[in-house]
Amino acid sequence: MTQQFYVSPEQLMKDRADFARKGIARGRSVVVLTCRDGIALVAENPSPSLHKLGEIYDRIGFAAVGKYNEFESLRQAGVRYADVRGYSYAREDVSARGLASVYAQSLGSVFTTEGKPFEVELAVAEVGTEPYSDHLYRLTFDGSIADESNYVVMGGQADIVNDSLARTWSPDTSFSQAIEVAVKALSSTRVAPEAGSNGEPPASPPELLGAGLLEVAVLDRDPLSTRGTVRAFRRIGTVELDRLLAGAEGD
């Protein structure tokens, strides 16, 4: 009879966590940041149809990095949860906090009981009527949940992007300014030409990512007055984003 190898629970959890982190790090970064006009969601994503950003409910958005099939199944489950809760009770009863709790339970259950953890990291954003009432929740592969403030960076070289945002983010910006800040932060992971050591000029900043490599959406703070709808989520098209980035490069 063959003997089963014993693996301690601590080592098993560590191996699963390392596996999930490596999968997430291979993805391209996503930034979610608050601003005066609402919440901007910006992702490095060259695919025009496989979205990393999505709408969950009236004032709630979703962003993810990792394996597409895994976070897309979670997004769809979140939409079903929000629809059922809003229909059974009231639309105001659907909140980012409740949705994040459901996601945390699902991710934690998969991490501890299934053979392979989800290689995903999620952000759930809810825009409020005032900047102080915005909510950002970050969820990791093991079901951990964190209530973030100001901005969230996930996937890829998150440390570099986070350092850039720490220097440039400001709460009193418009959507266009916030998107410019996010794109510059995402572009900072590109390798810029190195400066010479014999009096040559310093390295130039990295070239900004083009509109074709980006996916951008916003959650309007007051969509009823700006667009005549209660749904806050709006995607920024390629043409509009091209104009915005052209203005940023000219600054």
C-alpha atoms as a PDB file:
ATOM      1  CA  MET A   1       0.000   0.000   0.000  1.00  0.00           C
ATOM      2  CA  THR A   2       1.361   3.399  -0.940  1.00  0.00           C
ATOM      3  CA  GLN A   3       1.791   5.914   1.831  1.00  0.00           C
ATOM      4  CA  GLN A   4       0.393   9.419   1.436  1.00  0.00           C
ATOM      5  CA  PHE A   5       2.871  12.237   1.906  1.00  0.00           C
ATOM      6  CA  TYR A   6       1.994  14.555   4.758  1.00  0.00           C
ATOM      7  CA  VAL A   7       1.903  18.297   4.077  1.00  0.00           C
ATOM      8  CA  SER A   8       1.318  20.631   7.000  1.00  0.00           C
ATOM      9  CA  PRO A   9      -1.657  23.031   6.724  1.00  0.00           C
ATOM     10  CA  GLU A  10       0.725  25.985   6.979  1.00  0.00           C
ATOM     11  CA  GLN A  11       2.799  24.779   4.033  1.00  0.00           C
ATOM     12  CA  LEU A  12      -0.310  23.975   2.002  1.00  0.00           C
ATOM     13  CA  MET A  13      -1.739  27.463   2.502  1.00  0.00           C
ATOM     14  CA  LYS A  14       1.629  29.044   1.723  1.00  0.00           C
ATOM     15  CA  ASP A  15       1.946  27.085  -1.521  1.00  0.00           C
ATOM     16  CA  ARG A  16      -1.546  28.057  -2.588  1.00  0.00           C
ATOM     17  CA  ALA A  17      -0.915  31.715  -1.778  1.00  0.00           C
ATOM     18  CA  ASP A  18       2.377  31.740  -3.715  1.00  0.00           C
ATOM     19  CA  PHE A  19       0.671  30.107  -6.685  1.00  0.00           C
ATOM     20  CA  ALA A  20      -2.115  32.698  -6.741  1.00  0.00           C
ATOM     21  CA  ARG A  21       0.266  35.661  -6.317  1.00  0.00           C
ATOM     22  CA  LYS A  22       2.407  34.538  -9.246  1.00  0.00           C
ATOM     23  CA  GLY A  23      -0.647  34.248 -11.479  1.00  0.00           C
ATOM     24  CA  ILE A  24      -1.905  37.707 -10.521  1.00  0.00           C
ATOM     25  CA  ALA A  25       1.527  39.318 -10.970  1.00  0.00           C
ATOM     26  CA  ARG A  26       1.648  38.086 -14.571  1.00  0.00           C
ATOM     27  CA  GLY A  27      -1.392  40.224 -15.421  1.00  0.00           C
ATOM     28  CA  ARG A  28      -1.442  43.874 -16.411  1.00  0.00           C
ATOM     29  CA  SER A  29      -2.173  46.473 -13.740  1.00  0.00           C
ATOM     30  CA  VAL A  30      -5.511  48.079 -12.906  1.00  0.00           C
ATOM     31  CA  VAL A  31      -6.043  51.385 -11.078  1.00  0.00           C
ATOM     32  CA  VAL A  32      -9.228  52.553  -9.335  1.00  0.00           C
ATOM     33  CA  LEU A  33      -9.075  56.082  -7.935  1.00  0.00           C
ATOM     34  CA  THR A  34     -11.463  58.622  -6.490  1.00  0.00           C
ATOM     35  CA  CYS A  35     -11.725  62.215  -7.683  1.00  0.00           C
ATOM     36  CA  ARG A  36     -14.007  65.237  -7.497  1.00  0.00           C
ATOM     37  CA  ASP A  37     -16.347  63.991 -10.252  1.00  0.00           C
ATOM     38  CA  GLY A  38     -16.613  60.399  -8.997  1.00  0.00           C
ATOM     39  CA  ILE A  39     -14.483  57.275  -9.350  1.00  0.00           C
ATOM     40  CA  ALA A  40     -12.260  56.473 -12.344  1.00  0.00           C
ATOM     41  CA  LEU A  41     -11.352  52.908 -13.314  1.00  0.00           C
ATOM     42  CA  VAL A  42      -8.336  52.504 -15.608  1.00  0.00           C
ATOM     43  CA  ALA A  43      -6.834  49.197 -16.771  1.00  0.00           C
ATOM     44  CA  GLU A  44      -4.024  48.255 -19.105  1.00  0.00           C
ATOM     45  CA  ASN A  45      -5.966  45.973 -21.418  1.00  0.00           C
ATOM     46  CA  PRO A  46      -5.404  45.624 -25.184  1.00  0.00           C
ATOM     47  CA  SER A  47      -8.505  43.445 -25.674  1.00  0.00           C
ATOM     48  CA  PRO A  48     -11.584  45.334 -26.940  1.00  0.00           C
ATOM     49  CA  SER A  49     -14.041  42.700 -25.712  1.00  0.00           C
ATOM     50  CA  LEU A  50     -12.546  40.862 -22.709  1.00  0.00           C
ATOM     51  CA  HIS A  51     -13.242  43.513 -20.102  1.00  0.00           C
ATOM     52  CA  LYS A  52     -11.495  43.900 -16.761  1.00  0.00           C
ATOM     53  CA  LEU A  53     -13.914  46.656 -15.725  1.00  0.00           C
ATOM     54  CA  GLY A  54     -17.664  46.299 -15.415  1.00  0.00           C
ATOM     55  CA  GLU A  55     -20.911  47.534 -13.917  1.00  0.00           C
ATOM     56  CA  ILE A  56     -22.541  45.682 -11.044  1.00  0.00           C
ATOM     57  CA  TYR A  57     -25.445  47.975 -10.107  1.00  0.00           C
ATOM     58  CA  ASP A  58     -26.620  51.594 -10.205  1.00  0.00           C
ATOM     59  CA  ARG A  59     -23.628  53.143  -8.414  1.00  0.00           C
ATOM     60  CA  ILE A  60     -21.321  50.132  -8.098  1.00  0.00           C
ATOM     61  CA  GLY A  61     -18.432  49.200 -10.382  1.00  0.00           C
ATOM     62  CA  PHE A  62     -16.095  46.208 -10.562  1.00  0.00           C
ATOM     63  CA  ALA A  63     -12.437  45.864 -11.527  1.00  0.00           C
ATOM     64  CA  ALA A  64     -10.287  42.747 -11.605  1.00  0.00           C
ATOM     65  CA  VAL A  65      -6.918  41.277 -12.543  1.00  0.00           C
ATOM     66  CA  GLY A  66      -5.902  37.663 -13.020  1.00  0.00           C
ATOM     67  CA  LYS A  67      -7.542  34.832 -14.937  1.00  0.00           C
ATOM     68  CA  TYR A  68     -10.396  36.148 -17.058  1.00  0.00           C
ATOM     69  CA  ASN A  69     -12.701  33.129 -16.743  1.00  0.00           C
ATOM     70  CA  GLU A  70     -12.440  33.220 -12.944  1.00  0.00           C
ATOM     71  CA  PHE A  71     -13.086  36.915 -12.360  1.00  0.00           C
ATOM     72  CA  GLU A  72     -15.782  37.004 -15.048  1.00  0.00           C
ATOM     73  CA  SER A  73     -17.699  34.269 -13.223  1.00  0.00           C
ATOM     74  CA  LEU A  74     -17.427  36.337 -10.035  1.00  0.00           C
ATOM     75  CA  ARG A  75     -18.632  39.475 -11.823  1.00  0.00           C
ATOM     76  CA  GLN A  76     -21.689  37.660 -13.168  1.00  0.00           C
ATOM     77  CA  ALA A  77     -22.450  36.227  -9.731  1.00  0.00           C
ATOM     78  CA  GLY A  78     -22.213  39.736  -8.290  1.00  0.00           C
ATOM     79  CA  VAL A  79     -24.685  41.087 -10.857  1.00  0.00           C
ATOM     80  CA  ARG A  80     -27.157  38.305 -10.004  1.00  0.00           C
ATOM     81  CA  TYR A  81     -26.752  38.976  -6.268  1.00  0.00           C
ATOM     82  CA  ALA A  82     -27.340  42.712  -6.737  1.00  0.00           C
ATOM     83  CA  ASP A  83     -30.374  42.224  -8.996  1.00  0.00           C
ATOM     84  CA  VAL A  84     -32.053  39.762  -6.617  1.00  0.00           C
ATOM     85  CA  ARG A  85     -31.378  41.883  -3.540  1.00  0.00           C
ATOM     86  CA  GLY A  86     -32.524  45.075  -5.233  1.00  0.00           C
ATOM     87  CA  TYR A  87     -35.725  43.411  -6.457  1.00  0.00           C
ATOM     88  CA  SER A  88     -36.476  41.658  -3.134  1.00  0.00           C
ATOM     89  CA  TYR A  89     -35.887  44.682  -0.926  1.00  0.00           C
ATOM     90  CA  ALA A  90     -34.991  48.089  -2.396  1.00  0.00           C
ATOM     91  CA  ARG A  91     -32.366  49.374  -4.792  1.00  0.00           C
ATOM     92  CA  GLU A  92     -30.800  51.354  -1.946  1.00  0.00           C
ATOM     93  CA  ASP A  93     -30.151  48.092  -0.078  1.00  0.00           C
ATOM     94  CA  VAL A  94     -27.572  47.011  -2.675  1.00  0.00           C
ATOM     95  CA  SER A  95     -24.197  48.204  -1.415  1.00  0.00           C
ATOM     96  CA  ALA A  96     -20.546  47.656  -2.230  1.00  0.00           C
ATOM     97  CA  ARG A  97     -20.004  46.467   1.333  1.00  0.00           C
ATOM     98  CA  GLY A  98     -22.581  43.685   0.982  1.00  0.00           C
ATOM     99  CA  LEU A  99     -21.220  42.677  -2.399  1.00  0.00           C
ATOM    100  CA  ALA A 100     -17.634  42.640  -1.122  1.00  0.00           C
ATOM    101  CA  SER A 101     -18.680  40.408   1.780  1.00  0.00           C
ATOM    102  CA  VAL A 102     -20.231  37.896  -0.617  1.00  0.00           C
ATOM    103  CA  TYR A 103     -17.091  37.914  -2.773  1.00  0.00           C
ATOM    104  CA  ALA A 104     -14.898  37.450   0.304  1.00  0.00           C
ATOM    105  CA  GLN A 105     -16.884  34.378   1.359  1.00  0.00           C
ATOM    106  CA  SER A 106     -16.665  32.859  -2.127  1.00  0.00           C
ATOM    107  CA  LEU A 107     -12.930  33.487  -2.521  1.00  0.00           C
ATOM    108  CA  GLY A 108     -12.176  32.240   0.984  1.00  0.00           C
ATOM    109  CA  SER A 109     -14.164  29.053   0.433  1.00  0.00           C
ATOM    110  CA  VAL A 110     -12.384  28.279  -2.844  1.00  0.00           C
ATOM    111  CA  PHE A 111      -8.983  29.019  -1.311  1.00  0.00           C
ATOM    112  CA  THR A 112      -9.425  26.619   1.608  1.00  0.00           C
ATOM    113  CA  THR A 113     -11.482  23.784   0.100  1.00  0.00           C
ATOM    114  CA  GLU A 114     -10.797  23.562  -3.629  1.00  0.00           C
ATOM    115  CA  GLY A 115      -7.758  22.028  -5.290  1.00  0.00           C
ATOM    116  CA  LYS A 116      -6.659  25.346  -6.806  1.00  0.00           C
ATOM    117  CA  PRO A 117      -7.286  28.906  -5.559  1.00  0.00           C
ATOM    118  CA  PHE A 118      -8.668  31.613  -7.812  1.00  0.00           C
ATOM    119  CA  GLU A 119      -5.852  33.613  -9.423  1.00  0.00           C
ATOM    120  CA  VAL A 120      -7.719  36.899  -9.112  1.00  0.00           C
ATOM    121  CA  GLU A 121      -7.743  40.171  -7.249  1.00  0.00           C
ATOM    122  CA  LEU A 122     -10.876  42.312  -7.198  1.00  0.00           C
ATOM    123  CA  ALA A 123     -11.921  45.866  -6.437  1.00  0.00           C
ATOM    124  CA  VAL A 124     -15.529  46.854  -5.743  1.00  0.00           C
ATOM    125  CA  ALA A 125     -16.196  50.598  -5.948  1.00  0.00           C
ATOM    126  CA  GLU A 126     -19.318  52.508  -4.937  1.00  0.00           C
ATOM    127  CA  VAL A 127     -19.592  56.193  -5.751  1.00  0.00           C
ATOM    128  CA  GLY A 128     -21.335  58.449  -3.249  1.00  0.00           C
ATOM    129  CA  THR A 129     -23.044  61.796  -3.576  1.00  0.00           C
ATOM    130  CA  GLU A 130     -19.979  63.381  -1.920  1.00  0.00           C
ATOM    131  CA  PRO A 131     -16.310  62.348  -2.106  1.00  0.00           C
ATOM    132  CA  TYR A 132     -16.254  61.364   1.581  1.00  0.00           C
ATOM    133  CA  SER A 133     -19.024  58.821   0.954  1.00  0.00           C
ATOM    134  CA  ASP A 134     -17.158  56.872  -1.761  1.00  0.00           C
ATOM    135  CA  HIS A 135     -16.294  53.260  -0.925  1.00  0.00           C
ATOM    136  CA  LEU A 136     -13.423  51.167  -2.290  1.00  0.00           C
ATOM    137  CA  TYR A 137     -13.030  47.528  -1.278  1.00  0.00           C
ATOM    138  CA  ARG A 138     -10.111  45.360  -2.303  1.00  0.00           C
ATOM    139  CA  LEU A 139     -10.400  41.571  -2.232  1.00  0.00           C
ATOM    140  CA  THR A 140      -7.545  39.124  -2.596  1.00  0.00           C
ATOM    141  CA  PHE A 141      -7.443  35.497  -3.688  1.00  0.00           C
ATOM    142  CA  ASP A 142      -7.773  34.132  -0.124  1.00  0.00           C
ATOM    143  CA  GLY A 143     -10.930  36.071   0.715  1.00  0.00           C
ATOM    144  CA  SER A 144      -9.183  38.888   2.586  1.00  0.00           C
ATOM    145  CA  ILE A 145     -11.050  42.173   2.309  1.00  0.00           C
ATOM    146  CA  ALA A 146      -9.723  45.689   2.872  1.00  0.00           C
ATOM    147  CA  ASP A 147     -11.571  49.001   2.987  1.00  0.00           C
ATOM    148  CA  GLU A 148      -9.295  51.256   0.920  1.00  0.00           C
ATOM    149  CA  SER A 149      -9.212  55.031   0.597  1.00  0.00           C
ATOM    150  CA  ASN A 150      -8.205  57.294  -2.307  1.00  0.00           C
ATOM    151  CA  TYR A 151      -7.060  54.612  -4.773  1.00  0.00           C
ATOM    152  CA  VAL A 152      -6.418  50.906  -5.366  1.00  0.00           C
ATOM    153  CA  VAL A 153      -3.694  49.346  -7.537  1.00  0.00           C
ATOM    154  CA  MET A 154      -3.808  45.661  -8.487  1.00  0.00           C
ATOM    155  CA  GLY A 155      -1.773  43.257 -10.595  1.00  0.00           C
ATOM    156  CA  GLY A 156       1.419  43.563 -12.613  1.00  0.00           C
ATOM    157  CA  GLN A 157       4.093  45.834 -11.149  1.00  0.00           C
ATOM    158  CA  ALA A 158       1.712  47.260  -8.562  1.00  0.00           C
ATOM    159  CA  ASP A 159       4.473  48.694  -6.358  1.00  0.00           C
ATOM    160  CA  ILE A 160       5.796  50.963  -9.121  1.00  0.00           C
ATOM    161  CA  VAL A 161       2.295  52.154 -10.056  1.00  0.00           C
ATOM    162  CA  ASN A 162       1.427  52.742  -6.399  1.00  0.00           C
ATOM    163  CA  ASP A 163       4.571  54.836  -5.868  1.00  0.00           C
ATOM    164  CA  SER A 164       3.666  57.000  -8.859  1.00  0.00           C
ATOM    165  CA  LEU A 165       0.122  57.569  -7.605  1.00  0.00           C
ATOM    166  CA  ALA A 166       1.381  58.428  -4.136  1.00  0.00           C
ATOM    167  CA  ARG A 167       3.207  61.403  -5.695  1.00  0.00           C
ATOM    168  CA  THR A 168       0.546  62.561  -8.156  1.00  0.00           C
ATOM    169  CA  TRP A 169      -2.942  61.659  -6.872  1.00  0.00           C
ATOM    170  CA  SER A 170      -5.178  64.485  -5.684  1.00  0.00           C
ATOM    171  CA  PRO A 171      -8.837  64.333  -4.563  1.00  0.00           C
ATOM    172  CA  ASP A 172      -9.752  67.648  -6.203  1.00  0.00           C
ATOM    173  CA  THR A 173      -9.464  66.581  -9.852  1.00  0.00           C
ATOM    174  CA  SER A 174     -11.884  66.078 -12.717  1.00  0.00           C
ATOM    175  CA  PHE A 175     -12.357  62.771 -14.491  1.00  0.00           C
ATOM    176  CA  SER A 176     -10.007  63.769 -17.298  1.00  0.00           C
ATOM    177  CA  GLN A 177      -7.269  64.779 -14.867  1.00  0.00           C
ATOM    178  CA  ALA A 178      -7.717  61.627 -12.782  1.00  0.00           C
ATOM    179  CA  ILE A 179      -7.509  59.427 -15.891  1.00  0.00           C
ATOM    180  CA  GLU A 180      -4.326  61.236 -16.976  1.00  0.00           C
ATOM    181  CA  VAL A 181      -2.783  60.575 -13.559  1.00  0.00           C
ATOM    182  CA  ALA A 182      -3.758  56.893 -13.721  1.00  0.00           C
ATOM    183  CA  VAL A 183      -2.413  56.429 -17.266  1.00  0.00           C
ATOM    184  CA  LYS A 184       0.898  58.069 -16.353  1.00  0.00           C
ATOM    185  CA  ALA A 185       1.150  55.792 -13.315  1.00  0.00           C
ATOM    186  CA  LEU A 186       0.461  52.694 -15.439  1.00  0.00           C
ATOM    187  CA  SER A 187       2.967  53.893 -18.031  1.00  0.00           C
ATOM    188  CA  SER A 188       5.643  54.279 -15.350  1.00  0.00           C
ATOM    189  CA  THR A 189       6.219  50.513 -15.449  1.00  0.00           C
ATOM    190  CA  ARG A 190       7.656  50.864 -18.945  1.00  0.00           C
ATOM    191  CA  VAL A 191      11.428  50.995 -19.050  1.00  0.00           C
ATOM    192  CA  ALA A 192      12.633  54.489 -19.920  1.00  0.00           C
ATOM    193  CA  PRO A 193      15.996  55.067 -21.665  1.00  0.00           C
ATOM    194  CA  GLU A 194      18.776  55.129 -19.107  1.00  0.00           C
ATOM    195  CA  ALA A 195      20.772  58.264 -18.502  1.00  0.00           C
ATOM    196  CA  GLY A 196      24.467  58.216 -19.393  1.00  0.00           C
ATOM    197  CA  SER A 197      27.114  58.476 -16.737  1.00  0.00           C
ATOM    198  CA  ASN A 198      29.308  61.047 -18.536  1.00  0.00           C
ATOM    199  CA  GLY A 199      27.229  64.184 -18.504  1.00  0.00           C
ATOM    200  CA  GLU A 200      24.476  62.992 -20.860  1.00  0.00           C
ATOM    201  CA  PRO A 201      20.954  64.383 -20.316  1.00  0.00           C
ATOM    202  CA  PRO A 202      18.711  62.525 -17.840  1.00  0.00           C
ATOM    203  CA  ALA A 203      16.437  59.744 -19.024  1.00  0.00           C
ATOM    204  CA  SER A 204      13.177  60.863 -20.612  1.00  0.00           C
ATOM    205  CA  PRO A 205       9.894  59.786 -18.983  1.00  0.00           C
ATOM    206  CA  PRO A 206       8.293  56.599 -20.329  1.00  0.00           C
ATOM    207  CA  GLU A 207       5.953  56.981 -23.284  1.00  0.00           C
ATOM    208  CA  LEU A 208       2.287  57.029 -22.302  1.00  0.00           C
ATOM    209  CA  LEU A 209       0.204  53.963 -23.055  1.00  0.00           C
ATOM    210  CA  GLY A 210      -2.006  54.483 -26.105  1.00  0.00           C
ATOM    211  CA  ALA A 211      -5.793  54.345 -26.087  1.00  0.00           C
ATOM    212  CA  GLY A 212      -5.679  50.975 -27.851  1.00  0.00           C
ATOM    213  CA  LEU A 213      -3.897  49.462 -24.853  1.00  0.00           C
ATOM    214  CA  LEU A 214      -6.273  50.853 -22.247  1.00  0.00           C
ATOM    215  CA  GLU A 215      -9.734  50.176 -20.870  1.00  0.00           C
ATOM    216  CA  VAL A 216     -11.293  53.114 -19.046  1.00  0.00           C
ATOM    217  CA  ALA A 217     -14.612  53.622 -17.269  1.00  0.00           C
ATOM    218  CA  VAL A 218     -16.017  56.056 -14.714  1.00  0.00           C
ATOM    219  CA  LEU A 219     -18.675  56.137 -12.008  1.00  0.00           C
ATOM    220  CA  ASP A 220     -20.386  59.546 -12.255  1.00  0.00           C
ATOM    221  CA  ARG A 221     -21.110  61.202  -8.942  1.00  0.00           C
ATOM    222  CA  ASP A 222     -24.340  62.772 -10.230  1.00  0.00           C
ATOM    223  CA  PRO A 223     -25.402  60.778 -13.309  1.00  0.00           C
ATOM    224  CA  LEU A 224     -29.035  61.913 -13.101  1.00  0.00           C
ATOM    225  CA  SER A 225     -28.154  65.528 -13.849  1.00  0.00           C
ATOM    226  CA  THR A 226     -25.248  64.844 -16.232  1.00  0.00           C
ATOM    227  CA  ARG A 227     -26.753  61.979 -18.263  1.00  0.00           C
ATOM    228  CA  GLY A 228     -30.369  61.658 -17.133  1.00  0.00           C
ATOM    229  CA  THR A 229     -29.987  58.184 -15.614  1.00  0.00           C
ATOM    230  CA  VAL A 230     -29.442  56.649 -12.193  1.00  0.00           C
ATOM    231  CA  ARG A 231     -26.777  54.315 -13.583  1.00  0.00           C
ATOM    232  CA  ALA A 232     -23.407  55.848 -12.729  1.00  0.00           C
ATOM    233  CA  PHE A 233     -21.182  53.516 -14.788  1.00  0.00           C
ATOM    234  CA  ARG A 234     -19.964  54.787 -18.163  1.00  0.00           C
ATOM    235  CA  ARG A 235     -17.235  53.498 -20.465  1.00  0.00           C
ATOM    236  CA  ILE A 236     -14.833  55.938 -22.096  1.00  0.00           C
ATOM    237  CA  GLY A 237     -14.605  55.191 -25.809  1.00  0.00           C
ATOM    238  CA  THR A 238     -11.381  55.036 -27.783  1.00  0.00           C
ATOM    239  CA  VAL A 239     -11.995  58.332 -29.619  1.00  0.00           C
ATOM    240  CA  GLU A 240     -12.698  60.244 -26.400  1.00  0.00           C
ATOM    241  CA  LEU A 241      -9.712  58.630 -24.703  1.00  0.00           C
ATOM    242  CA  ASP A 242      -7.455  59.474 -27.656  1.00  0.00           C
ATOM    243  CA  ARG A 243      -8.344  63.159 -27.332  1.00  0.00           C
ATOM    244  CA  LEU A 244      -7.752  63.062 -23.584  1.00  0.00           C
ATOM    245  CA  LEU A 245      -4.351  61.403 -23.887  1.00  0.00           C
ATOM    246  CA  ALA A 246      -3.298  63.785 -26.674  1.00  0.00           C
ATOM    247  CA  GLY A 247      -3.960  66.655 -24.290  1.00  0.00           C
ATOM    248  CA  ALA A 248      -1.958  64.907 -21.550  1.00  0.00           C
ATOM    249  CA  GLU A 249       1.064  64.443 -23.804  1.00  0.00           C
ATOM    250  CA  GLY A 250       0.950  68.115 -24.701  1.00  0.00           C
ATOM    251  CA  ASP A 251       1.142  69.220 -21.076  1.00  0.00           C
END
